[in-house]
Protein backbone atom coordinates (compact mmCIF):
# COMPACT_ATOMS: atom_id res chain seq x y z
CA MET A 1 -34.86 12.61 -6.75
CA LYS A 2 -32.88 10.07 -8.24
CA SER A 3 -29.35 9.72 -7.63
CA LYS A 4 -26.98 10.57 -10.39
CA ALA A 5 -25.27 7.15 -11.92
CA ARG A 6 -21.61 6.87 -11.01
CA ILE A 7 -18.83 6.73 -13.78
CA LYS A 8 -17.69 3.61 -14.22
CA VAL A 9 -13.81 3.51 -13.85
CA ALA A 10 -11.87 0.77 -14.90
CA VAL A 11 -8.09 0.43 -13.25
CA LEU A 12 -5.73 -1.17 -15.42
CA CYS A 13 -3.52 -3.73 -13.41
CA PRO A 14 -3.34 -1.35 -10.32
CA ILE A 15 -0.87 -1.52 -7.90
CA GLN A 16 -0.73 -0.54 -4.04
CA ARG A 17 -1.02 3.12 -4.67
CA ASP A 18 -3.48 3.06 -7.35
CA TYR A 19 -5.64 2.16 -4.95
CA LEU A 20 -4.77 4.93 -2.28
CA ALA A 21 -5.17 7.44 -5.44
CA CYS A 22 -8.03 6.68 -6.38
CA GLU A 23 -10.09 5.97 -3.21
CA THR A 24 -9.01 9.09 -1.53
CA THR A 25 -9.39 11.67 -5.24
CA LYS A 26 -11.40 14.60 -5.26
CA ASN A 27 -14.97 14.15 -5.90
CA ARG A 28 -14.59 9.93 -5.13
CA GLU A 29 -18.52 9.58 -4.62
CA GLU A 30 -19.21 9.77 -8.56
CA TYR A 31 -17.24 7.18 -9.62
CA ASP A 32 -17.25 3.59 -9.10
CA PHE A 33 -13.85 2.02 -9.59
CA HIS A 34 -13.65 -1.59 -10.83
CA TYR A 35 -10.04 -2.52 -10.31
CA LEU A 36 -8.63 -5.24 -12.81
CA ASP A 37 -6.02 -7.03 -10.98
CA SER A 38 -3.22 -8.82 -12.54
CA GLU A 39 -0.77 -10.80 -9.89
CA GLN A 40 2.04 -10.53 -12.48
CA ILE A 41 2.41 -6.42 -12.72
CA THR A 42 4.05 -4.66 -10.08
CA ALA A 43 5.14 -1.33 -10.22
CA GLY A 44 6.64 -1.38 -13.47
CA ASN A 45 7.84 -5.18 -13.27
CA VAL A 46 6.44 -7.84 -14.91
CA GLY A 47 5.81 -11.83 -14.13
CA GLU A 48 7.32 -14.08 -17.05
CA THR A 49 4.17 -15.65 -17.03
CA PHE A 50 1.91 -12.32 -17.68
CA ASP A 51 -0.10 -13.20 -20.75
CA ILE A 52 -0.97 -9.88 -22.28
CA ILE A 53 -3.41 -11.22 -24.93
CA ALA A 54 -5.46 -13.15 -21.78
CA TYR A 55 -5.64 -10.17 -19.86
CA ILE A 56 -6.33 -7.74 -22.81
CA GLU A 57 -9.34 -10.07 -23.70
CA PHE A 58 -10.50 -10.15 -19.66
CA CYS A 59 -10.36 -6.66 -20.08
CA LYS A 60 -12.84 -6.53 -23.16
CA GLU A 61 -15.05 -8.53 -21.89
CA TYR A 62 -15.50 -7.05 -18.60
CA ILE A 63 -15.87 -3.48 -20.14
CA GLU A 64 -18.84 -4.91 -22.54
CA GLN A 65 -20.27 -6.43 -19.38
CA HIS A 66 -19.55 -4.04 -17.13
CA ASP A 67 -20.62 -1.11 -19.19
CA ILE A 68 -16.97 0.95 -18.41
CA HIS A 69 -16.68 4.48 -18.78
CA VAL A 70 -13.10 5.03 -18.09
CA VAL A 71 -9.86 3.41 -18.61
CA LEU A 72 -7.28 4.48 -16.35
CA ALA A 73 -3.69 3.57 -17.20
CA THR A 74 -1.29 4.66 -14.30
CA HIS A 75 2.23 2.94 -15.24
CA ASP A 76 3.77 1.65 -18.22
CA ILE A 77 2.50 -1.90 -18.89
CA PRO A 78 -0.75 -0.67 -18.73
CA ALA A 79 -0.47 2.23 -20.85
CA ILE A 80 0.06 -0.17 -23.94
CA ILE A 81 -3.14 -2.26 -22.86
CA GLN A 82 -5.02 0.99 -22.32
CA ALA A 83 -4.17 2.47 -26.15
CA ILE A 84 -5.34 -1.35 -27.44
CA LEU A 85 -8.52 -0.56 -25.36
CA CYS A 86 -8.76 2.51 -26.85
CA GLN A 87 -8.64 1.15 -30.28
CA GLN A 88 -11.13 -1.58 -29.61
CA PHE A 89 -13.75 0.57 -28.25
CA LYS A 90 -14.58 4.46 -29.23
CA HIS A 91 -15.84 5.69 -26.24
CA LEU A 92 -12.73 5.65 -24.65
CA ARG A 93 -10.15 8.33 -24.27
CA GLY A 94 -6.37 7.41 -24.07
CA PRO A 95 -3.77 7.71 -26.63
CA SER A 96 -2.87 5.70 -29.74
CA ILE A 97 -0.49 2.24 -30.08
CA GLU A 98 2.04 3.51 -31.82
CA SER A 99 2.78 6.73 -29.90
CA VAL A 100 2.69 4.10 -26.89
CA LEU A 101 5.37 2.51 -28.40
CA HIS A 102 7.52 5.01 -28.56
CA CYS A 103 7.95 5.76 -25.22
CA LEU A 104 8.04 2.40 -24.07
CA HIS A 105 10.60 1.18 -26.49
CA LYS A 106 13.64 3.41 -25.50
CA PHE A 107 15.14 2.99 -28.89
CA TYR A 108 12.68 4.43 -30.74
CA THR A 109 12.46 6.81 -28.18
CA ARG A 110 15.84 7.98 -29.11
CA ALA A 111 14.72 7.76 -32.76
CA TYR A 112 11.61 9.27 -33.55
CA LEU A 113 10.83 11.76 -30.37
CA ASP A 114 14.41 12.81 -29.55
CA PRO A 115 14.99 16.01 -30.89
CA SER A 116 18.80 15.77 -30.26
CA PRO A 117 20.00 12.35 -29.03
CA ILE A 118 23.12 11.70 -27.39
CA ARG A 119 25.07 9.02 -29.19
CA TYR A 120 23.31 5.36 -29.12
CA THR A 121 23.54 1.82 -30.82
CA TYR A 122 21.49 -1.15 -30.13
CA VAL A 123 22.86 -4.80 -30.09
CA ASP A 124 20.20 -7.87 -30.75
CA LEU A 125 21.32 -10.16 -28.00
CA GLU A 126 20.88 -12.92 -29.85
CA ASN A 127 22.68 -12.04 -32.76
CA PHE A 128 26.41 -11.38 -31.59
CA HIS A 129 27.29 -10.02 -34.59
CA THR A 130 25.47 -6.71 -33.49
CA TYR A 131 27.76 -6.51 -30.55
CA SER A 132 30.59 -4.47 -32.85
CA ASN A 133 28.12 -1.66 -32.45
CA VAL A 134 29.01 -1.37 -28.94
CA LYS A 135 32.68 -0.58 -29.83
CA SER A 136 31.96 2.18 -32.31
CA LEU A 137 30.00 3.97 -29.37
CA GLY A 138 32.91 3.66 -27.53
CA PHE A 139 33.49 3.45 -22.96
CA PRO A 140 32.12 4.87 -20.81
CA SER A 141 28.56 3.78 -21.63
CA LEU A 142 25.50 2.76 -20.44
CA ILE A 143 23.49 -0.57 -21.33
CA LYS A 144 19.74 -1.36 -21.06
CA PRO A 145 16.33 -3.26 -21.83
CA ALA A 146 15.32 -1.58 -24.91
CA ILE A 147 11.21 -2.16 -23.45
CA SER A 148 12.11 -2.03 -19.88
CA ALA A 149 9.92 -0.20 -17.98
CA THR A 150 12.28 -0.36 -14.52
CA SER A 151 15.77 0.61 -14.07
CA LEU A 152 16.25 -2.48 -12.56
CA PHE A 153 19.26 -3.87 -15.36
CA VAL A 154 20.81 -0.36 -16.21
CA SER A 155 24.32 -0.78 -15.53
CA MET A 156 27.52 1.08 -16.25
CA LEU A 157 30.00 -0.24 -18.98
CA LYS A 158 34.10 0.99 -18.70
CA SER A 159 35.40 -1.57 -20.99
CA TYR A 160 34.01 -4.37 -23.75
CA ALA A 161 34.52 -7.03 -21.56
CA GLU A 162 32.05 -5.74 -18.66
CA PHE A 163 29.71 -5.27 -21.84
CA GLU A 164 29.87 -8.83 -22.72
CA GLU A 165 29.33 -9.74 -18.69
CA LYS A 166 26.71 -7.52 -18.53
CA ALA A 167 24.70 -8.65 -22.21
CA ALA A 168 25.55 -12.46 -20.94
CA VAL A 169 23.06 -11.29 -17.86
CA LEU A 170 20.39 -9.63 -19.42
CA LYS A 171 19.69 -12.46 -22.82
CA GLU A 172 19.33 -14.93 -19.98
CA GLU A 173 16.81 -11.95 -17.67
CA PHE A 174 14.88 -11.50 -21.18
CA SER A 175 12.23 -13.86 -20.83
CA GLN A 176 10.54 -11.66 -18.28
CA PHE A 177 10.02 -9.48 -21.07
CA ARG A 178 7.86 -12.25 -22.90
CA TYR A 179 4.48 -9.56 -22.90
CA PHE A 180 6.36 -7.95 -25.24
CA ASN A 181 7.03 -10.32 -27.74
CA VAL A 182 3.59 -11.35 -27.75
CA PHE A 183 2.10 -7.48 -28.32
CA ALA A 184 4.28 -6.64 -30.80
CA ASP A 185 3.46 -9.84 -32.60
CA GLU A 186 -0.59 -9.05 -32.47
CA TYR A 187 -0.50 -5.14 -32.89
CA ILE A 188 2.85 -3.75 -34.03
CA ASP A 189 3.96 -3.57 -37.77
CA ARG A 190 7.17 -5.90 -38.49
CA ASP A 191 8.39 -3.65 -41.11
CA LYS A 192 8.11 -0.08 -39.56
CA TYR A 193 9.31 -1.27 -36.30
CA PRO A 194 11.43 -4.57 -36.66
CA LEU A 195 13.53 -3.95 -33.28
CA CYS A 196 10.29 -4.60 -31.18
CA PHE A 197 10.84 -8.62 -32.89
CA HIS A 198 14.34 -9.16 -31.56
CA SER A 199 15.86 -8.73 -28.02
CA ILE A 200 17.12 -5.67 -28.37
CA ALA A 201 19.38 -3.91 -25.25
CA LEU A 202 19.99 0.12 -25.93
CA VAL A 203 23.40 1.42 -25.54
CA GLU A 204 24.19 4.64 -24.90
CA GLU A 205 27.10 7.23 -24.07
CA TYR A 206 27.27 7.59 -20.67
CA ILE A 207 26.20 11.38 -19.74
CA GLN A 208 27.64 13.24 -16.76
CA SER A 209 25.28 16.04 -16.20
CA PRO A 210 25.64 18.55 -13.02
CA TYR A 211 21.26 18.35 -12.84
CA LYS A 212 18.67 15.66 -13.71
CA VAL A 213 15.52 16.50 -13.93
CA THR A 214 11.83 15.58 -14.60
CA MET A 215 9.23 17.60 -16.70
CA ASP A 216 5.33 16.23 -15.81
CA GLY A 217 2.32 17.13 -17.59
CA CYS A 218 -0.25 15.62 -19.40
CA VAL A 219 -2.16 16.07 -23.07
CA PHE A 220 -5.86 16.99 -23.28
CA ASN A 221 -7.53 17.37 -26.69
CA GLU A 222 -4.33 17.59 -28.26
CA GLN A 223 -3.64 20.34 -25.75
CA ILE A 224 -0.56 20.04 -23.61
CA ILE A 225 -0.76 21.31 -19.79
CA PHE A 226 2.08 21.71 -18.11
CA TRP A 227 2.14 19.86 -14.37
CA GLY A 228 5.38 20.03 -12.44
CA LEU A 229 9.42 20.20 -12.50
CA THR A 230 11.52 18.16 -10.50
CA ASP A 231 14.76 17.84 -9.76
CA ASN A 232 16.28 14.33 -9.80
CA ILE A 233 19.12 13.95 -6.91
CA TYR A 234 21.41 11.24 -7.01
CA PHE A 235 23.93 10.23 -4.79
CA SER A 236 27.60 11.26 -5.29
CA SER A 237 29.35 8.12 -3.48
CA LYS A 238 26.81 5.91 -6.17
CA PRO A 239 26.09 8.25 -9.10
CA GLU A 240 23.73 5.64 -10.54
CA CYS A 241 21.67 5.43 -7.11
CA PHE A 242 18.56 7.60 -6.86
CA ASN A 243 18.52 9.47 -4.12
CA ALA A 244 15.56 11.94 -3.98
CA CYS A 245 12.84 14.05 -6.11
CA ILE A 246 12.34 17.44 -5.09
CA TYR A 247 9.72 19.53 -6.01
CA PRO A 248 9.86 22.53 -6.89
CA SER A 249 12.72 23.04 -8.98
CA SER A 250 15.71 24.99 -7.81
CA LEU A 251 17.38 25.58 -11.55
CA PRO A 252 16.85 28.98 -12.66
CA GLU A 253 13.70 30.19 -14.31
CA PHE A 254 15.73 31.01 -17.90
CA ILE A 255 16.59 26.69 -17.96
CA GLN A 256 13.17 25.88 -16.93
CA GLU A 257 11.70 27.76 -19.74
CA ASN A 258 14.64 25.87 -21.93
CA ILE A 259 13.22 22.39 -20.89
CA ARG A 260 9.47 23.34 -21.20
CA GLN A 261 9.71 24.30 -24.96
CA SER A 262 11.98 21.03 -25.18
CA TYR A 263 9.05 18.80 -23.43
CA SER A 264 6.62 20.59 -25.65
CA GLN A 265 8.99 19.95 -28.69
CA ILE A 266 8.75 16.04 -27.66
CA VAL A 267 5.16 15.73 -26.60
CA HIS A 268 4.17 17.25 -29.97
CA ARG A 269 5.73 14.91 -31.89
CA LEU A 270 3.92 12.13 -30.19
CA ILE A 271 0.43 13.70 -30.66
CA ASP A 272 1.86 13.56 -33.91
CA ILE A 273 1.13 10.16 -34.33
CA GLY A 274 -1.92 9.89 -31.84
CA TYR A 275 -0.69 10.64 -28.49
CA ASP A 276 -3.92 12.26 -26.23
CA ASN A 277 -5.51 12.16 -23.27
CA GLN A 278 -2.90 10.43 -20.56
CA PHE A 279 0.41 11.90 -18.81
CA VAL A 280 3.57 12.03 -20.02
CA ASN A 281 6.60 12.39 -18.40
CA VAL A 282 9.96 13.22 -19.93
CA GLU A 283 13.29 13.28 -17.58
CA PHE A 284 16.76 15.57 -18.97
CA PHE A 285 19.74 15.76 -18.04
CA VAL A 286 20.38 19.47 -17.71
CA PHE A 287 23.87 21.17 -17.99
CA GLU A 288 24.91 24.62 -16.41
CA ASP A 289 24.33 26.79 -19.77
CA GLY A 290 20.60 25.68 -20.15
CA SER A 291 21.39 22.84 -22.69
CA LEU A 292 19.52 19.79 -22.74
CA LYS A 293 19.47 16.17 -23.20
CA VAL A 294 16.72 13.84 -23.18
CA MET A 295 16.98 10.69 -20.51
CA GLU A 296 13.83 9.15 -21.56
CA VAL A 297 10.28 9.09 -22.06
CA ASN A 298 7.50 7.61 -20.48
CA SER A 299 3.57 7.20 -21.44
CA ARG A 300 2.13 7.72 -17.71
CA VAL A 301 1.69 9.74 -14.40
CA PHE A 302 4.56 10.11 -12.10
CA GLY A 303 2.82 8.16 -9.79
CA GLN A 304 5.14 8.38 -6.82
CA LEU A 305 4.97 12.07 -6.64
CA ARG A 306 1.28 12.51 -6.08
CA PRO A 307 1.60 13.01 -2.43
CA ILE A 308 3.89 15.65 -3.26
CA TYR A 309 2.24 17.53 -5.64
CA VAL A 310 -1.35 16.93 -3.67
CA GLN A 311 0.15 19.13 -1.09
CA CYS A 312 2.37 21.31 -3.05
CA LEU A 313 0.35 22.24 -5.71
CA GLU A 314 -3.10 23.69 -5.75
CA ASP A 315 -5.37 21.02 -8.05
CA GLY A 316 -1.92 18.93 -8.35
CA ASP A 317 -3.35 15.57 -7.96
CA GLU A 318 -2.53 14.24 -11.36
CA PHE A 319 -5.03 11.09 -10.51
CA ALA A 320 -8.12 12.93 -9.97
CA ALA A 321 -6.72 15.17 -13.45
CA LEU A 322 -6.24 11.59 -15.14
CA ILE A 323 -9.88 10.83 -14.21
CA GLU A 324 -11.14 13.38 -15.78
CA ILE A 325 -8.93 13.75 -18.56
CA CYS A 326 -10.34 10.75 -19.47
CA CYS A 327 -14.04 11.52 -18.61
CA GLY A 328 -13.39 14.63 -20.94
CA HIS A 329 -12.79 17.09 -19.20
CA ARG A 330 -10.21 19.39 -18.95
CA PRO A 331 -8.06 19.45 -15.65
CA LYS A 332 -7.17 22.95 -14.44
CA THR A 333 -3.83 23.87 -14.34
CA PRO A 334 -1.90 23.20 -11.45
CA LYS A 335 -0.69 26.23 -9.09
CA ALA A 336 2.09 26.33 -6.70
CA ASN A 337 1.32 26.70 -3.05
CA GLY A 338 4.85 27.93 -2.07
CA LEU A 339 5.83 24.79 0.24
CA PHE A 340 8.83 22.15 -1.30
CA GLY A 341 8.17 18.40 -1.73
CA GLY A 342 10.54 15.80 -1.36
CA ASN A 343 10.34 11.96 -2.67
CA PHE A 344 13.18 10.11 -0.77
CA TYR A 345 14.16 6.84 -1.64
CA VAL A 346 15.51 4.28 1.09
CA ASN A 347 18.01 1.63 -0.77
CA THR A 348 20.56 -0.58 0.48
CA PHE A 349 23.09 -2.59 -0.94
CA ALA A 350 22.80 -5.25 1.99
CA ASP A 351 21.85 -8.95 0.94
CA ASP A 352 19.22 -10.52 3.97
CA ILE A 353 15.63 -10.67 4.85
CA ALA A 354 13.88 -7.52 5.09
CA GLU A 355 13.09 -7.49 9.02
CA ASN A 356 17.23 -7.97 9.33
CA LEU A 357 17.86 -4.84 7.41
CA VAL A 358 14.48 -2.06 8.69
CA ASN A 359 12.78 -1.38 11.63
CA PHE A 360 8.98 -1.91 10.15
CA GLU A 361 7.47 -0.50 13.40
CA VAL A 362 8.77 3.00 12.33
CA ALA A 363 7.11 2.98 9.15
CA ASP A 364 3.89 1.90 11.10
CA ARG A 365 4.15 5.13 12.85
CA HIS A 366 5.00 7.23 10.02
CA PRO A 367 2.43 7.46 7.41
CA LYS A 368 5.11 8.76 5.45
CA PHE A 369 6.59 5.72 4.39
CA VAL A 370 5.63 3.98 1.13
CA MET A 371 6.52 0.70 1.88
CA ASN A 372 8.05 -1.74 -1.03
CA ILE A 373 8.81 -4.66 1.07
CA SER A 374 7.54 -6.95 3.92
CA PRO A 375 9.19 -8.50 6.60
CA GLY A 376 9.65 -11.76 5.37
CA ASP A 377 11.30 -10.67 1.48
CA ASP A 378 14.47 -11.80 0.47
CA VAL A 379 16.28 -8.75 -0.16
CA CYS A 380 19.30 -8.79 -2.54
CA GLY A 381 21.16 -5.09 -3.79
CA SER A 382 24.50 -6.07 -3.69
CA LYS A 383 24.20 -6.95 -7.43
CA ARG A 384 22.28 -4.01 -8.34
CA ASN A 385 23.92 -0.50 -9.36
CA GLN A 386 21.26 1.06 -8.01
CA GLY A 387 20.68 -0.93 -4.47
CA PHE A 388 17.52 -2.59 -3.44
CA ARG A 389 14.22 0.13 -2.67
CA LEU A 390 13.21 -0.63 0.56
CA ALA A 391 10.99 2.40 0.74
CA TYR A 392 9.89 5.94 -0.14
CA ILE A 393 9.55 8.87 2.38
CA ASN A 394 7.28 11.47 1.12
CA LEU A 395 7.67 15.01 3.16
CA ILE A 396 6.81 18.64 2.87
CA ALA A 397 8.68 21.27 4.70
CA THR A 398 9.11 25.36 3.83
CA THR A 399 12.72 24.64 2.86
CA VAL A 400 14.96 22.05 1.22
CA GLU A 401 17.40 21.91 3.94
CA GLU A 402 14.28 20.98 6.19
CA LEU A 403 13.37 18.33 3.47
CA TYR A 404 16.93 16.56 3.86
CA TYR A 405 16.94 16.98 7.53
CA GLN A 406 13.63 15.21 8.20
CA ALA A 407 14.63 12.18 5.17
CA ASP A 408 17.91 11.65 7.28
CA GLU A 409 16.71 11.63 10.81
CA LEU A 410 13.82 9.13 9.52
CA LYS A 411 16.47 6.87 7.61
CA ARG A 412 18.57 6.77 10.39
CA LYS A 413 15.73 5.38 12.73
CA PHE A 414 14.36 2.96 9.86
CA LEU A 415 17.39 1.50 8.63
CA LYS A 416 18.81 -1.43 10.86
CA CYS A 417 22.26 -1.41 8.71
CA PRO A 418 22.71 1.74 8.03
CA GLU A 419 26.24 1.37 6.31
CA ALA A 420 24.65 -0.49 3.66
CA SER A 421 22.77 2.52 2.52
CA PRO A 422 24.23 5.61 0.39
CA TRP A 423 24.02 9.07 2.26
CA LYS A 424 25.67 11.40 0.44
């Protein structure tokens, strides 16, 4: 009997976790994965020389030559490329270009998706006259590149002098977002989205909320499927520095229901402009009375949480579900199994060579570690508000307290300079 032909899946700009996720996914034998690599893409960061148009043309040729059935985008930049390819090849499933733009460009997230936005404005880093917008917003506030796919350049501002300092840094670094300007010139309506053609930084009021969460879900044939709600924990000693994502959320059910309703409202706005057949996560500020404010919206899976969802949810593998969605099959709605999971960040504010900061042999002995560095890498954490992210630790336990205990023990064994890392 002739064997069933495997489904050809092209993975766009794969990063380390994509290879593992694809090779260990459910029903692996049914898929023929094609990894369309780009050395310029690393977990949300984009090299200055990344030629997005050349990469798109390469993908188009590859799809035609290899009869690709599915394209898979698991992080921010590939989501744009997936949308473009879906416009070109009608058999491919994915979101529209316009809908992905509303997620990636944070000004348009606020302007179009956010039902009740916090106070915000923008500055054009090439136009000093727009800087006065910041004074009317006031301080404290936050500044970040409007099109950044990473929190690397997010900074808190306490004064106009600090704004000028951070704006100057952003202006110098904006060359790494050149890919977006090239993309916009080719695919975005200049009259409808004029800020896409300028070096825009978003400035927002600084929000202090007792809780922050991420709501994960996906859209299949314009229907929303909820996935998971995680508590986002920051260090109290370093409030801009991320500590961990904990699943499931410990918030009261009435607040969780508010989050689901707000998530649905936002995602339906995306669906109205063509968002479909992809995951989407929304980060929220949450207040004691259950009210919410949107932090940001992302057109992708929460990839680093895959090990947590796989172990804490029945049918919880986001990557497997994304493949099913792109193949035209509705994934099962995941169900919690009672376990707790934590994705812990290992950060440092030190500057040194990686091998002087961490014990790599500890990570080698513990598969719970996901490394972001190699021994010879230069680490520069002192100039980043969030520090330098050395690794993640993925842990499972029967209580939240046990998660924190395990994380603390492993971090102390792993770090050679624990005094340079936040702990509380």
